[in-house]
Amino acid sequence: SWRVHVLGLLGHAELQKQFNFKEPWDSPQNKALIEKMPDVFKTQGTTQPGYTAILGISGPGTAFEGPLGKKLQDFRDGTSNTVVAVEATPDKAVIWTKPDDLVFDPNDALRSLGMIPPTGLRALFADGSVRNIPPSVTADIVKALFTIAG
């Protein structure tokens, strides 16, 4: 998961070193690290240990389209206008080490998200900023924000 790959940037380099990147995420060695999920990935309402609702956005036209994702020069909208991850609702939570994320459907943008909390949706943009997307957001705006050229 991308969440494991960013551990060093989040002050958890020692935990990152414990992962065996030559083995699958659910190998015995890597699976034992699920319980060591850093607090930075804890999300409100997600009560199952080792689960997070912080999900990358993948799918057609997104930053994480395809197995390698896109390069920054491909972001025609600019990094400050492109969402790369969100804090989704607890029903979308996944095991934090599993390479599982939010699959965005540009033809049904709001359905991809599921329910948006009354307080809005926290979104991480490609420039590193975190902003709130209000619950009144339209499908067209979500599509524009979640795609690199929308």
C-alpha atoms as a PDB file:
ATOM      1  CA  SER A   1       0.000   0.000   0.000  1.00  0.00           C
ATOM      2  CA  TRP A   2       1.055   3.585  -0.586  1.00  0.00           C
ATOM      3  CA  ARG A   3       0.392   4.116   3.124  1.00  0.00           C
ATOM      4  CA  VAL A   4       3.342   1.822   3.948  1.00  0.00           C
ATOM      5  CA  HIS A   5       5.565   3.588   1.414  1.00  0.00           C
ATOM      6  CA  VAL A   6       5.022   7.015   3.014  1.00  0.00           C
ATOM      7  CA  LEU A   7       5.784   5.886   6.578  1.00  0.00           C
ATOM      8  CA  GLY A   8       9.315   7.306   6.490  1.00  0.00           C
ATOM      9  CA  LEU A   9       7.966  10.707   5.430  1.00  0.00           C
ATOM     10  CA  LEU A  10       5.548  10.630   8.368  1.00  0.00           C
ATOM     11  CA  GLY A  11       8.172   9.932  11.027  1.00  0.00           C
ATOM     12  CA  HIS A  12       7.759   6.156  11.083  1.00  0.00           C
ATOM     13  CA  ALA A  13      10.904   5.015   9.267  1.00  0.00           C
ATOM     14  CA  GLU A  14      11.592   2.268  11.827  1.00  0.00           C
ATOM     15  CA  LEU A  15       8.178   0.716  11.207  1.00  0.00           C
ATOM     16  CA  GLN A  16       8.669   0.995   7.458  1.00  0.00           C
ATOM     17  CA  LYS A  17      11.950  -0.929   7.748  1.00  0.00           C
ATOM     18  CA  GLN A  18      10.079  -3.856   9.313  1.00  0.00           C
ATOM     19  CA  PHE A  19       8.101  -4.468   6.114  1.00  0.00           C
ATOM     20  CA  ASN A  20       9.381  -6.946   3.569  1.00  0.00           C
ATOM     21  CA  PHE A  21       8.639  -5.314   0.218  1.00  0.00           C
ATOM     22  CA  LYS A  22       9.617  -8.484  -1.646  1.00  0.00           C
ATOM     23  CA  GLU A  23       6.655 -10.303  -0.133  1.00  0.00           C
ATOM     24  CA  PRO A  24       2.908  -9.675  -0.541  1.00  0.00           C
ATOM     25  CA  TRP A  25       1.199  -7.274   1.853  1.00  0.00           C
ATOM     26  CA  ASP A  26      -0.454 -10.248   3.589  1.00  0.00           C
ATOM     27  CA  SER A  27       2.624 -12.431   4.021  1.00  0.00           C
ATOM     28  CA  PRO A  28       3.098 -13.640   7.617  1.00  0.00           C
ATOM     29  CA  GLN A  29       5.842 -11.062   8.302  1.00  0.00           C
ATOM     30  CA  ASN A  30       3.902  -8.131   6.832  1.00  0.00           C
ATOM     31  CA  LYS A  31       0.546  -9.214   8.225  1.00  0.00           C
ATOM     32  CA  ALA A  32       2.002  -9.124  11.748  1.00  0.00           C
ATOM     33  CA  LEU A  33       2.547  -5.368  11.293  1.00  0.00           C
ATOM     34  CA  ILE A  34      -1.143  -4.557  10.725  1.00  0.00           C
ATOM     35  CA  GLU A  35      -1.622  -4.081  14.472  1.00  0.00           C
ATOM     36  CA  LYS A  36       1.148  -1.439  14.483  1.00  0.00           C
ATOM     37  CA  MET A  37      -0.862   1.075  12.457  1.00  0.00           C
ATOM     38  CA  PRO A  38       0.369   4.600  13.295  1.00  0.00           C
ATOM     39  CA  ASP A  39      -2.119   7.071  14.750  1.00  0.00           C
ATOM     40  CA  VAL A  40      -1.804   9.221  11.622  1.00  0.00           C
ATOM     41  CA  PHE A  41      -3.978   6.649   9.800  1.00  0.00           C
ATOM     42  CA  LYS A  42      -6.658   6.386  12.492  1.00  0.00           C
ATOM     43  CA  THR A  43      -9.989   7.731  11.329  1.00  0.00           C
ATOM     44  CA  GLN A  44     -13.052   8.797  13.247  1.00  0.00           C
ATOM     45  CA  GLY A  45     -15.686   6.085  13.486  1.00  0.00           C
ATOM     46  CA  THR A  46     -13.368   3.318  12.296  1.00  0.00           C
ATOM     47  CA  THR A  47     -13.212   0.992  15.274  1.00  0.00           C
ATOM     48  CA  GLN A  48     -11.728  -2.186  13.827  1.00  0.00           C
ATOM     49  CA  PRO A  49      -8.019  -2.352  14.760  1.00  0.00           C
ATOM     50  CA  GLY A  50      -5.655  -1.933  11.815  1.00  0.00           C
ATOM     51  CA  TYR A  51      -8.307  -0.369   9.582  1.00  0.00           C
ATOM     52  CA  THR A  52      -8.265   3.120   8.063  1.00  0.00           C
ATOM     53  CA  ALA A  53     -10.620   5.142   5.933  1.00  0.00           C
ATOM     54  CA  ILE A  54      -7.777   7.214   4.465  1.00  0.00           C
ATOM     55  CA  LEU A  55      -7.933   6.081   0.876  1.00  0.00           C
ATOM     56  CA  GLY A  56      -6.091   7.005  -2.269  1.00  0.00           C
ATOM     57  CA  ILE A  57      -8.161   7.854  -5.340  1.00  0.00           C
ATOM     58  CA  SER A  58      -7.674   5.425  -8.211  1.00  0.00           C
ATOM     59  CA  GLY A  59      -9.484   4.918 -11.481  1.00  0.00           C
ATOM     60  CA  PRO A  60      -9.689   6.487 -14.940  1.00  0.00           C
ATOM     61  CA  GLY A  61      -8.176   9.940 -15.150  1.00  0.00           C
ATOM     62  CA  THR A  62      -6.927   9.998 -11.544  1.00  0.00           C
ATOM     63  CA  ALA A  63      -3.420  10.419 -10.160  1.00  0.00           C
ATOM     64  CA  PHE A  64      -3.272   6.695  -9.404  1.00  0.00           C
ATOM     65  CA  GLU A  65      -4.601   5.422 -12.716  1.00  0.00           C
ATOM     66  CA  GLY A  66      -2.775   2.255 -13.717  1.00  0.00           C
ATOM     67  CA  PRO A  67      -0.179   0.292 -11.777  1.00  0.00           C
ATOM     68  CA  LEU A  68       2.386   3.122 -11.564  1.00  0.00           C
ATOM     69  CA  GLY A  69       0.143   6.179 -11.357  1.00  0.00           C
ATOM     70  CA  LYS A  70       0.835   9.445 -13.133  1.00  0.00           C
ATOM     71  CA  LYS A  71       3.817  11.784 -13.203  1.00  0.00           C
ATOM     72  CA  LEU A  72       3.484  15.329 -11.857  1.00  0.00           C
ATOM     73  CA  GLN A  73       3.846  16.781 -15.349  1.00  0.00           C
ATOM     74  CA  ASP A  74       0.652  14.876 -16.271  1.00  0.00           C
ATOM     75  CA  PHE A  75      -1.383  16.948 -13.768  1.00  0.00           C
ATOM     76  CA  ARG A  76      -2.798  19.455 -16.269  1.00  0.00           C
ATOM     77  CA  ASP A  77      -5.134  20.821 -13.579  1.00  0.00           C
ATOM     78  CA  GLY A  78      -2.176  21.477 -11.300  1.00  0.00           C
ATOM     79  CA  THR A  79      -1.330  19.773  -8.034  1.00  0.00           C
ATOM     80  CA  SER A  80      -3.319  22.285  -5.989  1.00  0.00           C
ATOM     81  CA  ASN A  81      -6.487  21.320  -7.868  1.00  0.00           C
ATOM     82  CA  THR A  82      -6.179  17.523  -7.788  1.00  0.00           C
ATOM     83  CA  VAL A  83      -7.270  15.284  -4.914  1.00  0.00           C
ATOM     84  CA  VAL A  84      -5.106  12.203  -4.380  1.00  0.00           C
ATOM     85  CA  ALA A  85      -6.621  10.832  -1.144  1.00  0.00           C
ATOM     86  CA  VAL A  86      -9.632  11.321   1.103  1.00  0.00           C
ATOM     87  CA  GLU A  87     -10.764  10.401   4.568  1.00  0.00           C
ATOM     88  CA  ALA A  88     -13.802   8.365   3.580  1.00  0.00           C
ATOM     89  CA  THR A  89     -16.589   7.140   5.830  1.00  0.00           C
ATOM     90  CA  PRO A  90     -15.938   4.152   8.132  1.00  0.00           C
ATOM     91  CA  ASP A  91     -17.911   1.789   5.879  1.00  0.00           C
ATOM     92  CA  LYS A  92     -15.171   2.226   3.247  1.00  0.00           C
ATOM     93  CA  ALA A  93     -12.318   1.420   5.698  1.00  0.00           C
ATOM     94  CA  VAL A  94      -9.609  -1.031   4.630  1.00  0.00           C
ATOM     95  CA  ILE A  95      -6.659  -2.736   6.292  1.00  0.00           C
ATOM     96  CA  TRP A  96      -4.061   0.026   6.297  1.00  0.00           C
ATOM     97  CA  THR A  97      -1.278  -2.117   4.779  1.00  0.00           C
ATOM     98  CA  LYS A  98      -3.477  -3.549   2.027  1.00  0.00           C
ATOM     99  CA  PRO A  99      -3.159  -1.965  -1.425  1.00  0.00           C
ATOM    100  CA  ASP A 100      -6.868  -1.174  -1.480  1.00  0.00           C
ATOM    101  CA  ASP A 101      -8.286   2.280  -2.137  1.00  0.00           C
ATOM    102  CA  LEU A 102     -11.282   4.200  -3.404  1.00  0.00           C
ATOM    103  CA  VAL A 103     -12.022   3.321  -7.023  1.00  0.00           C
ATOM    104  CA  PHE A 104     -13.359   6.453  -8.653  1.00  0.00           C
ATOM    105  CA  ASP A 105     -15.925   6.181 -11.433  1.00  0.00           C
ATOM    106  CA  PRO A 106     -15.924   9.421 -13.456  1.00  0.00           C
ATOM    107  CA  ASN A 107     -19.356   8.500 -14.825  1.00  0.00           C
ATOM    108  CA  ASP A 108     -20.848   8.313 -11.333  1.00  0.00           C
ATOM    109  CA  ALA A 109     -18.597  10.557  -9.244  1.00  0.00           C
ATOM    110  CA  LEU A 110     -20.737  10.900  -6.125  1.00  0.00           C
ATOM    111  CA  ARG A 111     -21.568   7.204  -5.917  1.00  0.00           C
ATOM    112  CA  SER A 112     -17.840   6.437  -5.830  1.00  0.00           C
ATOM    113  CA  LEU A 113     -17.566   8.383  -2.580  1.00  0.00           C
ATOM    114  CA  GLY A 114     -20.548   6.890  -0.841  1.00  0.00           C
ATOM    115  CA  MET A 115     -22.073   9.050   1.837  1.00  0.00           C
ATOM    116  CA  ILE A 116     -20.382  12.387   2.514  1.00  0.00           C
ATOM    117  CA  PRO A 117     -20.445  13.248   6.244  1.00  0.00           C
ATOM    118  CA  PRO A 118     -22.403  16.369   7.286  1.00  0.00           C
ATOM    119  CA  THR A 119     -19.075  18.024   8.136  1.00  0.00           C
ATOM    120  CA  GLY A 120     -17.744  17.341   4.643  1.00  0.00           C
ATOM    121  CA  LEU A 121     -14.942  15.202   3.322  1.00  0.00           C
ATOM    122  CA  ARG A 122     -11.295  15.833   4.176  1.00  0.00           C
ATOM    123  CA  ALA A 123      -9.201  15.665   1.036  1.00  0.00           C
ATOM    124  CA  LEU A 124      -5.452  15.523   0.456  1.00  0.00           C
ATOM    125  CA  PHE A 125      -4.402  17.397  -2.656  1.00  0.00           C
ATOM    126  CA  ALA A 126      -1.350  16.539  -4.752  1.00  0.00           C
ATOM    127  CA  ASP A 127       0.430  19.673  -3.486  1.00  0.00           C
ATOM    128  CA  GLY A 128       0.250  18.313   0.088  1.00  0.00           C
ATOM    129  CA  SER A 129      -2.552  20.581   1.289  1.00  0.00           C
ATOM    130  CA  VAL A 130      -5.582  19.202   3.105  1.00  0.00           C
ATOM    131  CA  ARG A 131      -8.926  20.851   2.487  1.00  0.00           C
ATOM    132  CA  ASN A 132     -12.538  20.110   3.260  1.00  0.00           C
ATOM    133  CA  ILE A 133     -14.999  19.251   0.502  1.00  0.00           C
ATOM    134  CA  PRO A 134     -18.491  20.304   1.611  1.00  0.00           C
ATOM    135  CA  PRO A 135     -21.379  17.818   1.611  1.00  0.00           C
ATOM    136  CA  SER A 136     -23.146  20.014  -0.960  1.00  0.00           C
ATOM    137  CA  VAL A 137     -20.472  19.250  -3.584  1.00  0.00           C
ATOM    138  CA  THR A 138     -21.776  18.391  -7.042  1.00  0.00           C
ATOM    139  CA  ALA A 139     -20.774  15.399  -9.158  1.00  0.00           C
ATOM    140  CA  ASP A 140     -19.135  17.731 -11.697  1.00  0.00           C
ATOM    141  CA  ILE A 141     -16.932  19.316  -9.018  1.00  0.00           C
ATOM    142  CA  VAL A 142     -15.935  15.904  -7.608  1.00  0.00           C
ATOM    143  CA  LYS A 143     -15.026  14.723 -11.094  1.00  0.00           C
ATOM    144  CA  ALA A 144     -12.942  17.871 -11.671  1.00  0.00           C
ATOM    145  CA  LEU A 145     -11.146  17.520  -8.325  1.00  0.00           C
ATOM    146  CA  PHE A 146     -10.448  13.772  -8.547  1.00  0.00           C
ATOM    147  CA  THR A 147      -9.078  13.791 -12.083  1.00  0.00           C
ATOM    148  CA  ILE A 148      -5.753  15.224 -13.201  1.00  0.00           C
ATOM    149  CA  ALA A 149      -7.203  16.918 -16.279  1.00  0.00           C
ATOM    150  CA  GLY A 150     -10.792  17.745 -15.352  1.00  0.00           C
END
